[in-house]
Amino acid sequence: MSLPLRIFGLAPDSIVDGPGLRFGVFVQGCSHACPGCHNPESHDPAAGTATTVDAVMEAILANRLVTGVTLSGGEPFEQAAACAEVGRRCREAGLDVWTYTGYPYEKLLEAAADPAAASVRCPQLDPAGVRDLLAVTDVLVDGPFVESLKALGLSWRGSSNQRLIDLAATRASGQVTFWSHHEDFPEKPSNW
């Protein structure tokens, strides 16, 4: 049975949510409600459209031009299990996965490592889902949007406090490692 997923919308051909041509999945529901958010209609967890991971994957895989998928919102980590499944299937299809979150990376690690503390500090986070979503994310764009730090010249983020974290390099080095933009965008997956 396919996991349920509540979405704010889909962007099948985004060029602003990471490098290359990307498929954007904007989930519904966000407890951060950052002032100045560019998707304030995505905050209410009861709004949006009910769908399934299977339906979202069908739409993603129908677009053979995309090189990656971006999970944004709303807050993907508040639907972490379903978003992790989307990410897992995308990686199997040869697509890279970027995930945007208002949570700092360190807080996500805490939630994944200590389920009891997570249920008190961040009851909207499922520790297993957080762990799984981090595991399938290539680049994590973390931190809340801060309107006073908004800068239009930033690549793929809205405010200067947000970080582009290369999760594979971070896991390998044991310290937060920032993703750096390369002029050459990813090629179309070879298995397509």
N, C-alpha and C. Protein backbone atom coordinates (compact mmCIF):
# COMPACT_ATOMS: atom_id res chain seq x y z
N MET A 1 0.84 -1.18 0.00
CA MET A 1 0.00 0.00 0.00
C MET A 1 0.89 1.25 0.00
N SER A 2 0.54 2.19 -0.83
CA SER A 2 1.32 3.42 -0.95
C SER A 2 1.06 4.35 0.23
N LEU A 3 2.12 4.97 0.71
CA LEU A 3 1.99 5.91 1.83
C LEU A 3 1.21 7.15 1.41
N PRO A 4 0.36 7.67 2.30
CA PRO A 4 -0.34 8.91 1.99
C PRO A 4 0.63 10.09 2.08
N LEU A 5 0.35 11.12 1.29
CA LEU A 5 1.16 12.33 1.28
C LEU A 5 0.23 13.49 0.99
N ARG A 6 0.30 14.52 1.82
CA ARG A 6 -0.50 15.72 1.58
C ARG A 6 0.41 16.76 0.95
N ILE A 7 0.00 17.25 -0.22
CA ILE A 7 0.86 18.19 -0.94
C ILE A 7 0.20 19.56 -1.11
N PHE A 8 1.04 20.56 -1.22
CA PHE A 8 0.62 21.91 -1.57
C PHE A 8 0.59 22.03 -3.08
N GLY A 9 1.53 21.37 -3.75
CA GLY A 9 1.57 21.39 -5.21
C GLY A 9 2.80 20.70 -5.76
N LEU A 10 2.83 20.56 -7.07
CA LEU A 10 3.95 19.95 -7.77
C LEU A 10 4.44 20.94 -8.83
N ALA A 11 5.74 20.98 -9.02
CA ALA A 11 6.35 21.81 -10.06
C ALA A 11 7.20 20.89 -10.93
N PRO A 12 6.65 20.40 -12.05
CA PRO A 12 7.35 19.39 -12.84
C PRO A 12 8.58 19.88 -13.59
N ASP A 13 8.81 21.18 -13.64
CA ASP A 13 9.96 21.68 -14.39
C ASP A 13 10.53 22.94 -13.75
N SER A 14 11.07 22.76 -12.55
CA SER A 14 11.62 23.87 -11.79
C SER A 14 13.11 24.08 -12.10
N ILE A 15 13.49 25.34 -12.22
CA ILE A 15 14.91 25.68 -12.36
C ILE A 15 15.38 26.55 -11.20
N VAL A 16 14.54 26.71 -10.18
CA VAL A 16 14.89 27.57 -9.04
C VAL A 16 15.04 26.82 -7.72
N ASP A 17 14.86 25.52 -7.73
CA ASP A 17 14.89 24.73 -6.49
C ASP A 17 16.08 23.78 -6.44
N GLY A 18 17.19 24.21 -7.02
CA GLY A 18 18.40 23.39 -7.09
C GLY A 18 18.91 23.40 -8.52
N PRO A 19 20.06 22.79 -8.74
CA PRO A 19 20.68 22.84 -10.07
C PRO A 19 19.97 21.94 -11.09
N GLY A 20 20.04 22.34 -12.34
CA GLY A 20 19.46 21.55 -13.41
C GLY A 20 17.95 21.69 -13.46
N LEU A 21 17.33 20.88 -14.27
CA LEU A 21 15.88 20.84 -14.36
C LEU A 21 15.37 19.87 -13.31
N ARG A 22 14.54 20.36 -12.39
CA ARG A 22 14.13 19.57 -11.24
C ARG A 22 12.62 19.43 -11.19
N PHE A 23 12.19 18.40 -10.50
CA PHE A 23 10.78 18.20 -10.21
C PHE A 23 10.58 18.61 -8.75
N GLY A 24 9.78 19.62 -8.51
CA GLY A 24 9.53 20.10 -7.15
C GLY A 24 8.29 19.48 -6.55
N VAL A 25 8.44 18.93 -5.36
CA VAL A 25 7.31 18.40 -4.60
C VAL A 25 7.17 19.29 -3.37
N PHE A 26 6.08 20.05 -3.32
CA PHE A 26 5.83 20.96 -2.22
C PHE A 26 4.78 20.33 -1.30
N VAL A 27 5.24 19.91 -0.12
CA VAL A 27 4.33 19.24 0.81
C VAL A 27 3.48 20.28 1.55
N GLN A 28 2.39 19.80 2.11
CA GLN A 28 1.47 20.66 2.85
C GLN A 28 1.72 20.48 4.35
N GLY A 29 1.70 21.57 5.08
CA GLY A 29 1.85 21.54 6.52
C GLY A 29 3.24 21.98 6.95
N CYS A 30 3.27 23.01 7.80
CA CYS A 30 4.55 23.51 8.30
C CYS A 30 4.31 24.21 9.63
N SER A 31 4.94 23.70 10.67
CA SER A 31 4.76 24.30 12.00
C SER A 31 5.65 25.53 12.21
N HIS A 32 6.59 25.79 11.30
CA HIS A 32 7.49 26.94 11.47
C HIS A 32 6.77 28.26 11.22
N ALA A 33 5.94 28.31 10.18
CA ALA A 33 5.19 29.52 9.81
C ALA A 33 6.09 30.75 9.82
N CYS A 34 7.20 30.68 9.13
CA CYS A 34 8.16 31.78 9.10
C CYS A 34 7.53 33.04 8.50
N PRO A 35 7.64 34.18 9.19
CA PRO A 35 7.16 35.43 8.60
C PRO A 35 7.88 35.70 7.27
N GLY A 36 7.10 36.04 6.24
CA GLY A 36 7.67 36.31 4.93
C GLY A 36 7.83 35.07 4.07
N CYS A 37 7.38 33.92 4.54
CA CYS A 37 7.48 32.67 3.77
C CYS A 37 6.87 32.86 2.38
N HIS A 38 7.51 32.30 1.35
CA HIS A 38 6.97 32.45 -0.01
C HIS A 38 5.82 31.49 -0.29
N ASN A 39 5.54 30.55 0.60
CA ASN A 39 4.41 29.63 0.45
C ASN A 39 3.56 29.59 1.72
N PRO A 40 3.03 30.72 2.19
CA PRO A 40 2.28 30.69 3.45
C PRO A 40 1.03 29.82 3.39
N GLU A 41 0.50 29.60 2.20
CA GLU A 41 -0.68 28.75 2.06
C GLU A 41 -0.35 27.28 2.34
N SER A 42 0.94 26.96 2.42
CA SER A 42 1.34 25.58 2.68
C SER A 42 1.45 25.27 4.17
N HIS A 43 1.19 26.22 5.04
CA HIS A 43 1.38 26.02 6.48
C HIS A 43 0.32 25.12 7.11
N ASP A 44 -0.93 25.28 6.75
CA ASP A 44 -2.03 24.53 7.38
C ASP A 44 -1.94 23.05 6.99
N PRO A 45 -1.70 22.14 7.95
CA PRO A 45 -1.56 20.72 7.61
C PRO A 45 -2.86 20.08 7.09
N ALA A 46 -3.99 20.72 7.32
CA ALA A 46 -5.27 20.16 6.87
C ALA A 46 -5.64 20.63 5.47
N ALA A 47 -4.92 21.61 4.93
CA ALA A 47 -5.22 22.13 3.59
C ALA A 47 -4.49 21.29 2.54
N GLY A 48 -4.43 21.79 1.34
CA GLY A 48 -3.71 21.09 0.29
C GLY A 48 -4.50 19.94 -0.30
N THR A 49 -3.78 19.02 -0.91
CA THR A 49 -4.38 17.90 -1.63
C THR A 49 -3.85 16.59 -1.08
N ALA A 50 -4.75 15.68 -0.78
CA ALA A 50 -4.36 14.34 -0.33
C ALA A 50 -4.01 13.51 -1.56
N THR A 51 -2.86 12.86 -1.51
CA THR A 51 -2.42 12.00 -2.59
C THR A 51 -1.62 10.85 -1.99
N THR A 52 -0.86 10.16 -2.80
CA THR A 52 -0.04 9.05 -2.32
C THR A 52 1.37 9.16 -2.91
N VAL A 53 2.30 8.47 -2.31
CA VAL A 53 3.66 8.42 -2.83
C VAL A 53 3.64 7.84 -4.24
N ASP A 54 2.83 6.80 -4.48
CA ASP A 54 2.76 6.20 -5.82
C ASP A 54 2.34 7.23 -6.86
N ALA A 55 1.33 8.04 -6.57
CA ALA A 55 0.85 9.03 -7.52
C ALA A 55 1.91 10.10 -7.79
N VAL A 56 2.60 10.53 -6.74
CA VAL A 56 3.66 11.53 -6.92
C VAL A 56 4.80 10.93 -7.75
N MET A 57 5.16 9.70 -7.48
CA MET A 57 6.24 9.07 -8.24
C MET A 57 5.85 8.87 -9.70
N GLU A 58 4.61 8.57 -9.96
CA GLU A 58 4.16 8.45 -11.35
C GLU A 58 4.37 9.76 -12.10
N ALA A 59 4.03 10.88 -11.45
CA ALA A 59 4.23 12.19 -12.07
C ALA A 59 5.71 12.49 -12.27
N ILE A 60 6.53 12.18 -11.28
CA ILE A 60 7.98 12.44 -11.39
C ILE A 60 8.58 11.63 -12.52
N LEU A 61 8.30 10.35 -12.57
CA LEU A 61 8.91 9.47 -13.56
C LEU A 61 8.38 9.71 -14.97
N ALA A 62 7.24 10.38 -15.08
CA ALA A 62 6.70 10.72 -16.41
C ALA A 62 7.51 11.83 -17.06
N ASN A 63 8.22 12.61 -16.27
CA ASN A 63 9.03 13.71 -16.80
C ASN A 63 10.46 13.20 -16.98
N ARG A 64 10.80 12.76 -18.16
CA ARG A 64 12.10 12.15 -18.41
C ARG A 64 13.20 13.18 -18.60
N LEU A 65 12.89 14.47 -18.47
CA LEU A 65 13.90 15.50 -18.64
C LEU A 65 14.55 15.95 -17.33
N VAL A 66 13.90 15.68 -16.21
CA VAL A 66 14.44 16.16 -14.94
C VAL A 66 15.69 15.38 -14.53
N THR A 67 16.58 16.10 -13.84
CA THR A 67 17.81 15.48 -13.35
C THR A 67 17.78 15.29 -11.83
N GLY A 68 16.78 15.90 -11.20
CA GLY A 68 16.69 15.78 -9.76
C GLY A 68 15.31 16.14 -9.25
N VAL A 69 15.10 15.85 -7.97
CA VAL A 69 13.83 16.13 -7.31
C VAL A 69 14.12 16.97 -6.08
N THR A 70 13.28 17.97 -5.85
CA THR A 70 13.40 18.82 -4.68
C THR A 70 12.15 18.67 -3.82
N LEU A 71 12.34 18.31 -2.55
CA LEU A 71 11.26 18.22 -1.58
C LEU A 71 11.26 19.51 -0.78
N SER A 72 10.15 20.22 -0.83
CA SER A 72 10.07 21.52 -0.17
C SER A 72 8.68 21.63 0.44
N GLY A 73 8.27 22.83 0.72
CA GLY A 73 6.97 22.89 1.35
C GLY A 73 6.39 24.25 1.50
N GLY A 74 5.71 24.10 2.62
CA GLY A 74 5.55 23.20 3.73
C GLY A 74 6.90 22.72 4.31
N GLU A 75 6.77 21.70 5.14
CA GLU A 75 7.94 21.13 5.83
C GLU A 75 8.02 19.63 5.55
N PRO A 76 8.94 19.19 4.69
CA PRO A 76 9.06 17.76 4.37
C PRO A 76 9.30 16.86 5.59
N PHE A 77 10.02 17.36 6.59
CA PHE A 77 10.31 16.50 7.75
C PHE A 77 9.10 16.28 8.64
N GLU A 78 8.02 17.01 8.41
CA GLU A 78 6.78 16.77 9.15
C GLU A 78 5.92 15.73 8.44
N GLN A 79 6.38 15.25 7.28
CA GLN A 79 5.83 14.09 6.58
C GLN A 79 7.01 13.22 6.14
N ALA A 80 7.92 13.01 7.07
CA ALA A 80 9.22 12.44 6.75
C ALA A 80 9.16 11.04 6.14
N ALA A 81 8.32 10.16 6.65
CA ALA A 81 8.28 8.79 6.13
C ALA A 81 7.88 8.77 4.66
N ALA A 82 6.84 9.51 4.31
CA ALA A 82 6.39 9.56 2.91
C ALA A 82 7.43 10.25 2.04
N CYS A 83 8.01 11.34 2.52
CA CYS A 83 9.04 12.04 1.74
C CYS A 83 10.29 11.17 1.57
N ALA A 84 10.63 10.40 2.58
CA ALA A 84 11.77 9.49 2.48
C ALA A 84 11.52 8.43 1.42
N GLU A 85 10.30 7.96 1.32
CA GLU A 85 9.96 6.96 0.30
C GLU A 85 10.06 7.57 -1.10
N VAL A 86 9.59 8.81 -1.26
CA VAL A 86 9.75 9.51 -2.54
C VAL A 86 11.25 9.62 -2.85
N GLY A 87 12.03 10.06 -1.88
CA GLY A 87 13.47 10.20 -2.08
C GLY A 87 14.15 8.90 -2.43
N ARG A 88 13.79 7.83 -1.74
CA ARG A 88 14.39 6.51 -2.02
C ARG A 88 14.12 6.09 -3.45
N ARG A 89 12.86 6.22 -3.87
CA ARG A 89 12.50 5.80 -5.23
C ARG A 89 13.17 6.70 -6.28
N CYS A 90 13.30 7.97 -5.99
CA CYS A 90 13.97 8.89 -6.92
C CYS A 90 15.44 8.51 -7.07
N ARG A 91 16.09 8.22 -5.97
CA ARG A 91 17.50 7.82 -6.05
C ARG A 91 17.65 6.53 -6.84
N GLU A 92 16.73 5.58 -6.65
CA GLU A 92 16.76 4.34 -7.43
C GLU A 92 16.62 4.61 -8.93
N ALA A 93 15.92 5.70 -9.27
CA ALA A 93 15.72 6.07 -10.67
C ALA A 93 16.88 6.93 -11.20
N GLY A 94 17.88 7.17 -10.37
CA GLY A 94 19.04 7.93 -10.81
C GLY A 94 18.92 9.43 -10.65
N LEU A 95 17.93 9.87 -9.88
CA LEU A 95 17.72 11.30 -9.65
C LEU A 95 18.33 11.71 -8.31
N ASP A 96 18.95 12.90 -8.26
CA ASP A 96 19.44 13.38 -6.98
C ASP A 96 18.28 14.02 -6.21
N VAL A 97 18.43 14.12 -4.89
CA VAL A 97 17.36 14.61 -4.03
C VAL A 97 17.85 15.75 -3.17
N TRP A 98 17.18 16.87 -3.28
CA TRP A 98 17.40 18.02 -2.39
C TRP A 98 16.18 18.13 -1.49
N THR A 99 16.41 18.44 -0.21
CA THR A 99 15.31 18.62 0.74
C THR A 99 15.49 19.95 1.46
N TYR A 100 14.44 20.75 1.44
CA TYR A 100 14.40 22.02 2.17
C TYR A 100 13.72 21.80 3.51
N THR A 101 14.26 22.40 4.55
CA THR A 101 13.66 22.27 5.88
C THR A 101 13.90 23.53 6.70
N GLY A 102 12.95 23.84 7.54
CA GLY A 102 13.12 24.94 8.49
C GLY A 102 13.88 24.51 9.73
N TYR A 103 14.08 23.20 9.89
CA TYR A 103 14.82 22.70 11.05
C TYR A 103 16.32 22.76 10.77
N PRO A 104 17.11 23.20 11.74
CA PRO A 104 18.57 23.09 11.58
C PRO A 104 18.96 21.60 11.54
N TYR A 105 19.96 21.30 10.76
CA TYR A 105 20.44 19.92 10.60
C TYR A 105 20.71 19.27 11.96
N GLU A 106 21.32 20.00 12.86
CA GLU A 106 21.67 19.45 14.18
C GLU A 106 20.42 19.03 14.95
N LYS A 107 19.34 19.77 14.83
CA LYS A 107 18.09 19.41 15.51
C LYS A 107 17.49 18.14 14.89
N LEU A 108 17.62 18.00 13.59
CA LEU A 108 17.15 16.77 12.94
C LEU A 108 17.94 15.56 13.41
N LEU A 109 19.26 15.74 13.54
CA LEU A 109 20.10 14.64 14.05
C LEU A 109 19.68 14.25 15.47
N GLU A 110 19.42 15.25 16.31
CA GLU A 110 18.97 14.98 17.69
C GLU A 110 17.66 14.21 17.68
N ALA A 111 16.71 14.65 16.83
CA ALA A 111 15.40 13.98 16.77
C ALA A 111 15.55 12.54 16.31
N ALA A 112 16.44 12.30 15.34
CA ALA A 112 16.64 10.95 14.83
C ALA A 112 17.33 10.05 15.85
N ALA A 113 18.21 10.63 16.67
CA ALA A 113 19.00 9.84 17.62
C ALA A 113 18.28 9.57 18.93
N ASP A 114 17.37 10.46 19.33
CA ASP A 114 16.73 10.34 20.63
C ASP A 114 15.22 10.49 20.51
N PRO A 115 14.51 9.41 20.18
CA PRO A 115 13.07 9.48 19.98
C PRO A 115 12.30 10.05 21.17
N ALA A 116 12.74 9.75 22.38
CA ALA A 116 12.01 10.25 23.56
C ALA A 116 12.10 11.77 23.64
N ALA A 117 13.29 12.31 23.44
CA ALA A 117 13.46 13.76 23.48
C ALA A 117 12.73 14.41 22.31
N ALA A 118 12.76 13.76 21.15
CA ALA A 118 12.10 14.32 19.96
C ALA A 118 10.60 14.45 20.20
N SER A 119 10.01 13.48 20.88
CA SER A 119 8.57 13.53 21.11
C SER A 119 8.18 14.69 22.02
N VAL A 120 9.11 15.15 22.84
CA VAL A 120 8.84 16.29 23.72
C VAL A 120 9.16 17.61 23.02
N ARG A 121 10.36 17.69 22.43
CA ARG A 121 10.81 18.95 21.81
C ARG A 121 10.16 19.22 20.46
N CYS A 122 9.98 18.19 19.66
CA CYS A 122 9.42 18.32 18.31
C CYS A 122 8.42 17.19 18.06
N PRO A 123 7.24 17.28 18.67
CA PRO A 123 6.29 16.17 18.56
C PRO A 123 5.83 15.89 17.13
N GLN A 124 6.00 16.87 16.22
CA GLN A 124 5.58 16.68 14.84
C GLN A 124 6.60 15.87 14.02
N LEU A 125 7.74 15.53 14.63
CA LEU A 125 8.78 14.77 13.93
C LEU A 125 8.74 13.29 14.33
N ASP A 126 8.81 12.44 13.32
CA ASP A 126 8.91 10.99 13.52
C ASP A 126 10.39 10.63 13.39
N PRO A 127 11.05 10.22 14.48
CA PRO A 127 12.49 9.96 14.43
C PRO A 127 12.93 9.00 13.32
N ALA A 128 12.20 7.91 13.13
CA ALA A 128 12.58 6.96 12.07
C ALA A 128 12.45 7.60 10.70
N GLY A 129 11.39 8.34 10.48
CA GLY A 129 11.19 9.03 9.21
C GLY A 129 12.26 10.07 8.97
N VAL A 130 12.64 10.81 10.02
CA VAL A 130 13.70 11.80 9.90
C VAL A 130 15.00 11.13 9.48
N ARG A 131 15.34 10.03 10.14
CA ARG A 131 16.55 9.27 9.81
C ARG A 131 16.53 8.83 8.35
N ASP A 132 15.39 8.29 7.91
CA ASP A 132 15.27 7.79 6.54
C ASP A 132 15.35 8.91 5.51
N LEU A 133 14.73 10.05 5.81
CA LEU A 133 14.76 11.16 4.86
C LEU A 133 16.16 11.75 4.76
N LEU A 134 16.85 11.87 5.89
CA LEU A 134 18.24 12.33 5.83
C LEU A 134 19.10 11.37 5.01
N ALA A 135 18.84 10.08 5.13
CA ALA A 135 19.65 9.08 4.43
C ALA A 135 19.51 9.14 2.92
N VAL A 136 18.37 9.61 2.41
CA VAL A 136 18.17 9.65 0.95
C VAL A 136 18.32 11.05 0.38
N THR A 137 18.67 12.02 1.22
CA THR A 137 18.84 13.40 0.76
C THR A 137 20.30 13.63 0.39
N ASP A 138 20.51 14.17 -0.81
CA ASP A 138 21.86 14.51 -1.25
C ASP A 138 22.28 15.88 -0.70
N VAL A 139 21.40 16.86 -0.85
CA VAL A 139 21.68 18.21 -0.35
C VAL A 139 20.52 18.64 0.53
N LEU A 140 20.84 19.08 1.73
CA LEU A 140 19.85 19.58 2.68
C LEU A 140 20.00 21.10 2.76
N VAL A 141 18.91 21.80 2.50
CA VAL A 141 18.89 23.25 2.67
C VAL A 141 18.18 23.47 4.00
N ASP A 142 18.95 23.84 5.03
CA ASP A 142 18.37 23.86 6.38
C ASP A 142 18.23 25.25 6.95
N GLY A 143 17.41 25.33 7.97
CA GLY A 143 17.20 26.57 8.72
C GLY A 143 15.94 27.29 8.30
N PRO A 144 15.33 27.99 9.25
CA PRO A 144 14.11 28.73 8.93
C PRO A 144 14.42 29.92 8.02
N PHE A 145 13.42 30.34 7.25
CA PHE A 145 13.55 31.57 6.50
C PHE A 145 13.48 32.73 7.49
N VAL A 146 14.46 33.63 7.45
CA VAL A 146 14.49 34.80 8.32
C VAL A 146 14.39 36.03 7.42
N GLU A 147 13.26 36.70 7.52
CA GLU A 147 12.97 37.82 6.61
C GLU A 147 14.04 38.90 6.66
N SER A 148 14.59 39.20 7.84
CA SER A 148 15.61 40.24 7.94
C SER A 148 16.93 39.84 7.29
N LEU A 149 17.10 38.54 7.01
CA LEU A 149 18.31 38.04 6.35
C LEU A 149 18.06 37.66 4.89
N LYS A 150 16.91 38.06 4.36
CA LYS A 150 16.56 37.76 2.98
C LYS A 150 17.57 38.41 2.05
N ALA A 151 18.01 37.66 1.05
CA ALA A 151 18.96 38.19 0.07
C ALA A 151 18.64 37.55 -1.28
N LEU A 152 18.27 38.36 -2.24
CA LEU A 152 17.86 37.84 -3.54
C LEU A 152 19.00 37.21 -4.33
N GLY A 153 20.24 37.53 -4.01
CA GLY A 153 21.37 37.00 -4.75
C GLY A 153 21.85 35.64 -4.29
N LEU A 154 21.21 35.05 -3.30
CA LEU A 154 21.64 33.74 -2.80
C LEU A 154 21.18 32.63 -3.74
N SER A 155 22.04 31.66 -3.95
CA SER A 155 21.66 30.51 -4.77
C SER A 155 20.82 29.54 -3.95
N TRP A 156 19.62 29.28 -4.41
CA TRP A 156 18.74 28.24 -3.91
C TRP A 156 18.40 28.33 -2.42
N ARG A 157 18.38 29.51 -1.90
CA ARG A 157 17.92 29.72 -0.52
C ARG A 157 17.42 31.14 -0.40
N GLY A 158 16.59 31.37 0.60
CA GLY A 158 15.95 32.67 0.72
C GLY A 158 16.62 33.63 1.67
N SER A 159 17.28 33.10 2.71
CA SER A 159 17.93 33.98 3.68
C SER A 159 19.32 33.44 4.01
N SER A 160 20.20 34.35 4.39
CA SER A 160 21.63 34.00 4.52
C SER A 160 21.94 33.04 5.67
N ASN A 161 21.02 32.81 6.58
CA ASN A 161 21.25 31.83 7.65
C ASN A 161 21.08 30.39 7.16
N GLN A 162 20.43 30.21 6.03
CA GLN A 162 20.18 28.86 5.52
C GLN A 162 21.45 28.31 4.88
N ARG A 163 21.64 27.00 5.06
CA ARG A 163 22.87 26.36 4.58
C ARG A 163 22.55 25.31 3.53
N LEU A 164 23.45 25.15 2.58
CA LEU A 164 23.37 24.07 1.59
C LEU A 164 24.35 23.00 2.04
N ILE A 165 23.83 21.92 2.63
CA ILE A 165 24.68 20.91 3.25
C ILE A 165 24.77 19.67 2.35
N ASP A 166 25.98 19.31 1.99
CA ASP A 166 26.24 18.09 1.23
C ASP A 166 26.23 16.95 2.25
N LEU A 167 25.15 16.17 2.27
CA LEU A 167 25.00 15.17 3.33
C LEU A 167 25.95 14.00 3.19
N ALA A 168 26.29 13.58 1.98
CA ALA A 168 27.25 12.48 1.83
C ALA A 168 28.61 12.90 2.35
N ALA A 169 29.06 14.10 2.00
CA ALA A 169 30.35 14.60 2.48
C ALA A 169 30.32 14.83 3.98
N THR A 170 29.19 15.27 4.49
CA THR A 170 29.04 15.50 5.93
C THR A 170 29.15 14.19 6.69
N ARG A 171 28.48 13.16 6.21
CA ARG A 171 28.57 11.84 6.87
C ARG A 171 29.99 11.30 6.80
N ALA A 172 30.65 11.48 5.66
CA ALA A 172 32.00 10.95 5.48
C ALA A 172 33.02 11.66 6.38
N SER A 173 32.88 12.98 6.55
CA SER A 173 33.86 13.75 7.32
C SER A 173 33.50 13.86 8.80
N GLY A 174 32.24 13.64 9.13
CA GLY A 174 31.81 13.78 10.52
C GLY A 174 31.58 15.22 10.93
N GLN A 175 31.64 16.14 9.97
CA GLN A 175 31.35 17.54 10.27
C GLN A 175 30.56 18.14 9.11
N VAL A 176 29.76 19.15 9.42
CA VAL A 176 28.93 19.77 8.39
C VAL A 176 29.82 20.26 7.25
N THR A 177 29.49 19.80 6.05
CA THR A 177 30.23 20.18 4.85
C THR A 177 29.26 20.81 3.87
N PHE A 178 29.59 22.01 3.44
CA PHE A 178 28.69 22.73 2.55
C PHE A 178 28.82 22.24 1.12
N TRP A 179 27.69 22.20 0.44
CA TRP A 179 27.65 21.84 -0.96
C TRP A 179 28.16 23.03 -1.76
N SER A 180 28.96 22.76 -2.77
CA SER A 180 29.42 23.86 -3.62
C SER A 180 28.90 23.65 -5.02
N HIS A 181 28.49 24.73 -5.62
CA HIS A 181 27.90 24.72 -6.96
C HIS A 181 29.00 24.54 -8.00
N HIS A 182 28.76 23.65 -8.91
CA HIS A 182 29.67 23.45 -10.03
C HIS A 182 28.98 23.98 -11.27
N GLU A 183 29.73 24.54 -12.18
CA GLU A 183 29.15 25.11 -13.40
C GLU A 183 28.44 24.05 -14.24
N ASP A 184 28.96 22.83 -14.25
CA ASP A 184 28.31 21.80 -15.05
C ASP A 184 27.18 21.17 -14.25
N PHE A 185 25.99 21.25 -14.78
CA PHE A 185 24.84 20.67 -14.14
C PHE A 185 24.82 19.17 -14.38
N PRO A 186 24.11 18.43 -13.54
CA PRO A 186 24.06 16.98 -13.73
C PRO A 186 23.46 16.62 -15.08
N GLU A 187 23.98 15.56 -15.64
CA GLU A 187 23.43 15.06 -16.89
C GLU A 187 22.16 14.27 -16.63
N LYS A 188 21.42 14.03 -17.68
CA LYS A 188 20.23 13.19 -17.59
C LYS A 188 20.68 11.80 -17.11
N PRO A 189 19.95 11.18 -16.17
CA PRO A 189 20.36 9.87 -15.67
C PRO A 189 20.57 8.89 -16.82
N SER A 190 21.64 8.10 -16.74
CA SER A 190 22.01 7.19 -17.81
C SER A 190 21.05 6.01 -17.95
N ASN A 191 20.30 5.70 -16.89
CA ASN A 191 19.41 4.54 -16.96
C ASN A 191 18.03 4.88 -17.51
N TRP A 192 17.88 6.08 -18.08
CA TRP A 192 16.57 6.47 -18.63
C TRP A 192 16.52 6.22 -20.08
